[in-house]
C-alpha atoms as a PDB file:
ATOM      1  CA  VAL A   1     104.990 -12.606   0.776  1.00  0.00           C
ATOM      2  CA  PRO A   2     105.563  -8.835  -0.283  1.00  0.00           C
ATOM      3  CA  GLU A   3     104.328  -8.089  -3.974  1.00  0.00           C
ATOM      4  CA  GLN A   4     107.994  -8.453  -5.715  1.00  0.00           C
ATOM      5  CA  PHE A   5     108.681 -11.926  -4.351  1.00  0.00           C
ATOM      6  CA  THR A   6     105.956 -14.022  -5.038  1.00  0.00           C
ATOM      7  CA  LEU A   7     107.362 -15.772  -8.229  1.00  0.00           C
ATOM      8  CA  GLN A   8     110.932 -15.774  -6.481  1.00  0.00           C
ATOM      9  CA  THR A   9     109.396 -17.732  -3.429  1.00  0.00           C
ATOM     10  CA  GLN A  10     107.313 -19.841  -5.790  1.00  0.00           C
ATOM     11  CA  LYS A  11     110.366 -21.133  -7.264  1.00  0.00           C
ATOM     12  CA  GLU A  12     111.607 -21.852  -4.257  1.00  0.00           C
ATOM     13  CA  LEU A  13     109.139 -23.532  -2.787  1.00  0.00           C
ATOM     14  CA  VAL A  14     109.031 -25.958  -5.885  1.00  0.00           C
ATOM     15  CA  LEU A  15     112.698 -26.740  -6.202  1.00  0.00           C
ATOM     16  CA  ARG A  16     112.765 -27.614  -2.563  1.00  0.00           C
ATOM     17  CA  HIS A  17     109.791 -30.440  -2.962  1.00  0.00           C
ATOM     18  CA  PRO A  18     111.104 -33.701  -3.515  1.00  0.00           C
ATOM     19  CA  HIS A  19     108.759 -34.069  -6.418  1.00  0.00           C
ATOM     20  CA  LYS A  20     109.475 -30.480  -7.878  1.00  0.00           C
ATOM     21  CA  GLY A  21     105.999 -29.275  -7.623  1.00  0.00           C
ATOM     22  CA  ILE A  22     103.036 -27.958  -5.510  1.00  0.00           C
ATOM     23  CA  MET A  23      99.530 -28.450  -5.654  1.00  0.00           C
ATOM     24  CA  ASN A  24      97.947 -26.810  -2.147  1.00  0.00           C
ATOM     25  CA  ILE A  25     100.386 -23.833  -1.593  1.00  0.00           C
ATOM     26  CA  ASP A  26      99.496 -20.522  -2.561  1.00  0.00           C
ATOM     27  CA  VAL A  27     102.126 -18.073  -2.833  1.00  0.00           C
ATOM     28  CA  LEU A  28     100.053 -14.464  -2.477  1.00  0.00           C
ATOM     29  CA  SER A  29     100.634 -10.998  -1.966  1.00  0.00           C
ATOM     30  CA  PHE A  30      98.300  -9.154   0.719  1.00  0.00           C
ATOM     31  CA  LEU A  31      96.851  -7.949  -2.735  1.00  0.00           C
ATOM     32  CA  ARG A  32      96.448 -10.932  -4.065  1.00  0.00           C
ATOM     33  CA  LEU A  33      95.219 -13.015  -0.776  1.00  0.00           C
ATOM     34  CA  ALA A  34      92.486 -10.145  -1.521  1.00  0.00           C
ATOM     35  CA  PHE A  35      91.770 -10.919  -4.977  1.00  0.00           C
ATOM     36  CA  ARG A  36      91.477 -14.037  -4.286  1.00  0.00           C
ATOM     37  CA  VAL A  37      88.762 -13.928  -1.343  1.00  0.00           C
ATOM     38  CA  PHE A  38      86.933 -11.536  -3.630  1.00  0.00           C
ATOM     39  CA  GLU A  39      86.678 -14.027  -6.357  1.00  0.00           C
ATOM     40  CA  GLU A  40      85.675 -16.726  -3.929  1.00  0.00           C
ATOM     41  CA  LEU A  41      82.911 -14.798  -1.923  1.00  0.00           C
ATOM     42  CA  GLY A  42      81.610 -12.510  -5.135  1.00  0.00           C
ATOM     43  CA  THR A  43      82.272  -9.719  -3.873  1.00  0.00           C
ATOM     44  CA  GLU A  44      81.345  -6.618  -5.939  1.00  0.00           C
ATOM     45  CA  GLN A  45      84.667  -5.713  -7.601  1.00  0.00           C
ATOM     46  CA  ARG A  46      85.300  -1.605  -8.228  1.00  0.00           C
ATOM     47  CA  MET A  47      87.876  -0.515 -10.263  1.00  0.00           C
ATOM     48  CA  VAL A  48      91.261  -0.270  -8.647  1.00  0.00           C
ATOM     49  CA  LEU A  49      93.125   2.463  -9.000  1.00  0.00           C
ATOM     50  CA  GLU A  50      97.220   2.092  -9.447  1.00  0.00           C
ATOM     51  CA  ASP A  51      99.486   5.158  -8.865  1.00  0.00           C
ATOM     52  CA  MET A  52      98.883   6.628 -12.852  1.00  0.00           C
ATOM     53  CA  GLY A  53      94.778   6.697 -11.794  1.00  0.00           C
ATOM     54  CA  LYS A  54      95.285   8.150  -8.075  1.00  0.00           C
ATOM     55  CA  SER A  55      97.599  10.888  -9.912  1.00  0.00           C
ATOM     56  CA  LEU A  56      94.878  11.739 -12.687  1.00  0.00           C
ATOM     57  CA  ILE A  57      91.994  11.678 -10.344  1.00  0.00           C
ATOM     58  CA  VAL A  58      94.243  14.023  -8.027  1.00  0.00           C
ATOM     59  CA  LYS A  59      95.323  15.982 -10.674  1.00  0.00           C
ATOM     60  CA  LYS A  60      91.413  17.014 -11.582  1.00  0.00           C
ATOM     61  CA  VAL A  61      90.405  17.239  -7.606  1.00  0.00           C
ATOM     62  CA  LEU A  62      93.308  20.060  -7.802  1.00  0.00           C
ATOM     63  CA  MET A  63      91.584  21.779 -10.945  1.00  0.00           C
ATOM     64  CA  GLU A  64      88.241  21.637  -9.327  1.00  0.00           C
ATOM     65  CA  HIS A  65      88.888  22.895  -5.899  1.00  0.00           C
ATOM     66  CA  LYS A  66      91.777  25.599  -6.785  1.00  0.00           C
ATOM     67  CA  SER A  67      89.733  28.352  -6.052  1.00  0.00           C
ATOM     68  CA  GLU A  68      89.242  27.121  -2.313  1.00  0.00           C
ATOM     69  CA  LEU A  69      92.811  26.260  -1.568  1.00  0.00           C
ATOM     70  CA  GLN A  70      94.321  28.744   0.660  1.00  0.00           C
ATOM     71  CA  TYR A  71      98.148  27.086   0.529  1.00  0.00           C
ATOM     72  CA  PHE A  72      98.568  24.904  -2.818  1.00  0.00           C
ATOM     73  CA  ALA A  73      96.520  26.919  -5.299  1.00  0.00           C
ATOM     74  CA  GLY A  74      99.626  28.709  -6.917  1.00  0.00           C
ATOM     75  CA  ASN A  75     101.167  24.751  -6.960  1.00  0.00           C
ATOM     76  CA  VAL A  76      98.573  23.476  -8.703  1.00  0.00           C
ATOM     77  CA  ASN A  77      99.584  23.879 -12.101  1.00  0.00           C
ATOM     78  CA  ARG A  78     103.206  22.811 -11.466  1.00  0.00           C
ATOM     79  CA  GLN A  79     104.700  20.208 -12.854  1.00  0.00           C
ATOM     80  CA  GLY A  80     104.841  17.133 -10.373  1.00  0.00           C
ATOM     81  CA  PHE A  81     102.511  18.739  -7.621  1.00  0.00           C
ATOM     82  CA  ALA A  82      99.717  16.791  -8.609  1.00  0.00           C
ATOM     83  CA  GLU A  83     102.002  13.201  -7.903  1.00  0.00           C
ATOM     84  CA  GLU A  84     103.627  15.114  -4.508  1.00  0.00           C
ATOM     85  CA  MET A  85      99.517  15.329  -3.210  1.00  0.00           C
ATOM     86  CA  LYS A  86      98.990  11.673  -4.084  1.00  0.00           C
ATOM     87  CA  SER A  87     101.996  10.169  -2.261  1.00  0.00           C
ATOM     88  CA  VAL A  88     100.338  12.601   0.699  1.00  0.00           C
ATOM     89  CA  LEU A  89      97.041  10.766   0.213  1.00  0.00           C
ATOM     90  CA  SER A  90      98.495   7.185  -0.366  1.00  0.00           C
ATOM     91  CA  GLU A  91     100.388   7.666   3.022  1.00  0.00           C
ATOM     92  CA  LEU A  92      97.069   8.928   4.410  1.00  0.00           C
ATOM     93  CA  LEU A  93      94.986   5.820   3.361  1.00  0.00           C
ATOM     94  CA  GLN A  94      97.903   3.416   4.298  1.00  0.00           C
ATOM     95  CA  TYR A  95      98.253   4.559   7.796  1.00  0.00           C
ATOM     96  CA  GLY A  96      94.378   4.915   8.561  1.00  0.00           C
ATOM     97  CA  ILE A  97      94.035   8.482   8.497  1.00  0.00           C
ATOM     98  CA  GLY A  98      90.473   9.609   8.104  1.00  0.00           C
ATOM     99  CA  GLU A  99      88.220  12.208   7.623  1.00  0.00           C
ATOM    100  CA  GLU A 100      87.840  12.736  11.003  1.00  0.00           C
ATOM    101  CA  GLU A 101      91.188  12.374  12.034  1.00  0.00           C
ATOM    102  CA  LEU A 102      92.318  15.417   9.338  1.00  0.00           C
ATOM    103  CA  GLU A 103      89.460  18.055  10.689  1.00  0.00           C
ATOM    104  CA  GLU A 104      90.959  17.277  13.904  1.00  0.00           C
ATOM    105  CA  MET A 105      94.139  18.333  12.885  1.00  0.00           C
ATOM    106  CA  GLU A 106      92.907  21.020  10.975  1.00  0.00           C
ATOM    107  CA  ARG A 107      91.434  22.100  13.908  1.00  0.00           C
ATOM    108  CA  VAL A 108      94.647  21.802  15.987  1.00  0.00           C
ATOM    109  CA  ALA A 109      96.322  23.538  13.064  1.00  0.00           C
ATOM    110  CA  THR A 110      94.242  26.491  12.532  1.00  0.00           C
ATOM    111  CA  THR A 111      95.188  27.416  16.239  1.00  0.00           C
ATOM    112  CA  SER A 112      98.634  26.974  16.419  1.00  0.00           C
ATOM    113  CA  THR A 113     100.803  30.037  16.214  1.00  0.00           C
ATOM    114  CA  ILE A 114     102.086  29.228  12.745  1.00  0.00           C
ATOM    115  CA  PRO A 115      99.502  30.066  10.288  1.00  0.00           C
ATOM    116  CA  ALA A 116     101.026  28.228   7.498  1.00  0.00           C
ATOM    117  CA  LEU A 117     100.488  25.021   9.031  1.00  0.00           C
ATOM    118  CA  GLY A 118      96.662  25.791   9.318  1.00  0.00           C
ATOM    119  CA  ARG A 119      95.830  27.032   5.485  1.00  0.00           C
ATOM    120  CA  LYS A 120      98.021  23.562   4.307  1.00  0.00           C
ATOM    121  CA  THR A 121      95.968  21.295   6.568  1.00  0.00           C
ATOM    122  CA  HIS A 122      92.604  22.614   5.244  1.00  0.00           C
ATOM    123  CA  ASP A 123      94.596  22.337   1.847  1.00  0.00           C
ATOM    124  CA  ILE A 124      94.982  18.502   2.648  1.00  0.00           C
ATOM    125  CA  ALA A 125      91.814  17.979   4.523  1.00  0.00           C
ATOM    126  CA  LEU A 126      89.767  19.626   1.428  1.00  0.00           C
ATOM    127  CA  ILE A 127      91.838  17.593  -1.151  1.00  0.00           C
ATOM    128  CA  TYR A 128      91.339  14.249   0.676  1.00  0.00           C
ATOM    129  CA  ARG A 129      87.747  14.628   1.253  1.00  0.00           C
ATOM    130  CA  ALA A 130      87.110  15.384  -3.047  1.00  0.00           C
ATOM    131  CA  PHE A 131      89.237  12.707  -3.899  1.00  0.00           C
ATOM    132  CA  GLN A 132      87.453  10.384  -1.858  1.00  0.00           C
ATOM    133  CA  GLU A 133      84.207  11.065  -2.843  1.00  0.00           C
ATOM    134  CA  PHE A 134      85.144  10.934  -6.869  1.00  0.00           C
ATOM    135  CA  LEU A 135      86.325   7.735  -5.806  1.00  0.00           C
ATOM    136  CA  ARG A 136      83.476   6.427  -3.610  1.00  0.00           C
ATOM    137  CA  GLU A 137      80.838   4.029  -5.514  1.00  0.00           C
ATOM    138  CA  ARG A 138      83.139   3.928  -8.794  1.00  0.00           C
ATOM    139  CA  PHE A 139      87.024   3.133  -7.882  1.00  0.00           C
ATOM    140  CA  ILE A 140      88.636   1.718  -4.532  1.00  0.00           C
ATOM    141  CA  THR A 141      92.605   2.611  -3.927  1.00  0.00           C
ATOM    142  CA  THR A 142      95.403  -0.322  -3.465  1.00  0.00           C
ATOM    143  CA  GLU A 143      94.725   0.962   0.201  1.00  0.00           C
ATOM    144  CA  GLY A 144      91.153   0.514   0.767  1.00  0.00           C
ATOM    145  CA  ILE A 145      91.204  -3.146  -0.691  1.00  0.00           C
ATOM    146  CA  PHE A 146      93.298  -4.389   3.074  1.00  0.00           C
ATOM    147  CA  ASP A 147      89.773  -3.188   4.609  1.00  0.00           C
ATOM    148  CA  LEU A 148      87.127  -3.877   2.361  1.00  0.00           C
ATOM    149  CA  LEU A 149      89.087  -7.387   3.002  1.00  0.00           C
ATOM    150  CA  GLY A 150      89.415  -7.249   6.775  1.00  0.00           C
ATOM    151  CA  GLU A 151      85.229  -7.179   6.482  1.00  0.00           C
ATOM    152  CA  GLU A 152      85.247 -10.067   3.856  1.00  0.00           C
ATOM    153  CA  ILE A 153      87.946 -12.463   5.275  1.00  0.00           C
ATOM    154  CA  ALA A 154      85.601 -13.922   7.993  1.00  0.00           C
ATOM    155  CA  LYS A 155      83.203 -15.322   5.068  1.00  0.00           C
ATOM    156  CA  SER A 156      86.160 -17.145   3.253  1.00  0.00           C
ATOM    157  CA  GLU A 157      87.062 -20.830   3.080  1.00  0.00           C
ATOM    158  CA  VAL A 158      90.324 -19.839   1.296  1.00  0.00           C
ATOM    159  CA  VAL A 159      91.240 -19.095   4.747  1.00  0.00           C
ATOM    160  CA  ARG A 160      89.621 -20.748   7.465  1.00  0.00           C
ATOM    161  CA  GLY A 161      91.770 -23.828   7.862  1.00  0.00           C
ATOM    162  CA  ALA A 162      94.539 -22.683   5.972  1.00  0.00           C
ATOM    163  CA  VAL A 163      97.697 -22.600   7.309  1.00  0.00           C
ATOM    164  CA  VAL A 164      99.414 -18.907   6.684  1.00  0.00           C
ATOM    165  CA  VAL A 165     103.257 -18.481   6.567  1.00  0.00           C
ATOM    166  CA  LEU A 166     104.160 -14.429   6.241  1.00  0.00           C
ATOM    167  CA  ASP A 167     107.625 -14.212   5.078  1.00  0.00           C
ATOM    168  CA  GLY A 168     109.938 -11.400   3.581  1.00  0.00           C
ATOM    169  CA  PHE A 169     108.079  -8.398   5.175  1.00  0.00           C
ATOM    170  CA  THR A 170     110.490  -5.716   7.134  1.00  0.00           C
ATOM    171  CA  GLY A 171     106.987  -4.247   8.506  1.00  0.00           C
ATOM    172  CA  PHE A 172     103.372  -3.383   7.918  1.00  0.00           C
ATOM    173  CA  THR A 173     101.679  -0.664   7.362  1.00  0.00           C
ATOM    174  CA  PRO A 174      98.101  -0.106  10.094  1.00  0.00           C
ATOM    175  CA  SER A 175      95.878  -1.405   7.124  1.00  0.00           C
ATOM    176  CA  GLN A 176      98.277  -4.370   6.862  1.00  0.00           C
ATOM    177  CA  TYR A 177      98.492  -4.839  10.730  1.00  0.00           C
ATOM    178  CA  GLN A 178      94.174  -4.895  10.444  1.00  0.00           C
ATOM    179  CA  LEU A 179      94.614  -7.840   8.003  1.00  0.00           C
ATOM    180  CA  LEU A 180      96.925  -9.596  10.199  1.00  0.00           C
ATOM    181  CA  ARG A 181      94.459  -9.609  13.198  1.00  0.00           C
ATOM    182  CA  ALA A 182      91.809 -11.030  11.130  1.00  0.00           C
ATOM    183  CA  LEU A 183      94.430 -13.892   9.896  1.00  0.00           C
ATOM    184  CA  LEU A 184      95.219 -14.743  13.084  1.00  0.00           C
ATOM    185  CA  LYS A 185      91.467 -15.059  14.403  1.00  0.00           C
ATOM    186  CA  TYR A 186      90.684 -17.101  11.448  1.00  0.00           C
ATOM    187  CA  ALA A 187      93.561 -19.043   9.889  1.00  0.00           C
ATOM    188  CA  GLU A 188      93.999 -22.246  11.412  1.00  0.00           C
ATOM    189  CA  LYS A 189      97.905 -21.373  11.748  1.00  0.00           C
ATOM    190  CA  VAL A 190      99.511 -18.219  11.127  1.00  0.00           C
ATOM    191  CA  TYR A 191     103.591 -18.507  11.109  1.00  0.00           C
ATOM    192  CA  VAL A 192     105.865 -15.322  11.151  1.00  0.00           C
ATOM    193  CA  THR A 193     109.594 -15.485  10.047  1.00  0.00           C
ATOM    194  CA  VAL A 194     111.887 -12.856  11.488  1.00  0.00           C
ATOM    195  CA  THR A 195     115.086 -11.963  10.035  1.00  0.00           C
ATOM    196  CA  MET A 196     117.634 -11.952  12.449  1.00  0.00           C
ATOM    197  CA  ASP A 197     121.511 -11.686  12.557  1.00  0.00           C
END
């Protein structure tokens, strides 16, 4: 279930059970599933960055690369700019847009008839690369956890033979779709609830 519904769903299951308890049912979000699998497999864990940590790293990257920025150099010290850029990076990560895709966008935008678009794309690609370089080997974003889980899930006994029920979702990001593909492949059964009129 989505992160915000784990406790509510767990409570509902306990109340509906005839003996008011659940022993072999785990109510997990995708993030909690990842941690469960990593714990089971002994996967080396890097520190997971929350939004505040991402914002601080983005601010550091912006300050270090200010002289290289073509469009956003004047905004680096503006209040809230690091937070906005953090949101842009989070969206890129959630939707699986990597350095190669950004380089292609930058190449296309540079040749467009809108010069500002090329400069903006250059800056976003620069910030993205510097952000990823800073994270390497030390940290992982919550968006990156799903990619790591997708690589590890095939080895998990927690998932193999499990019956997975997806409930409460209104949609999925591409990284969550990748994870769903792995669940469909390795879980015994996967049920999906759909909200309809």
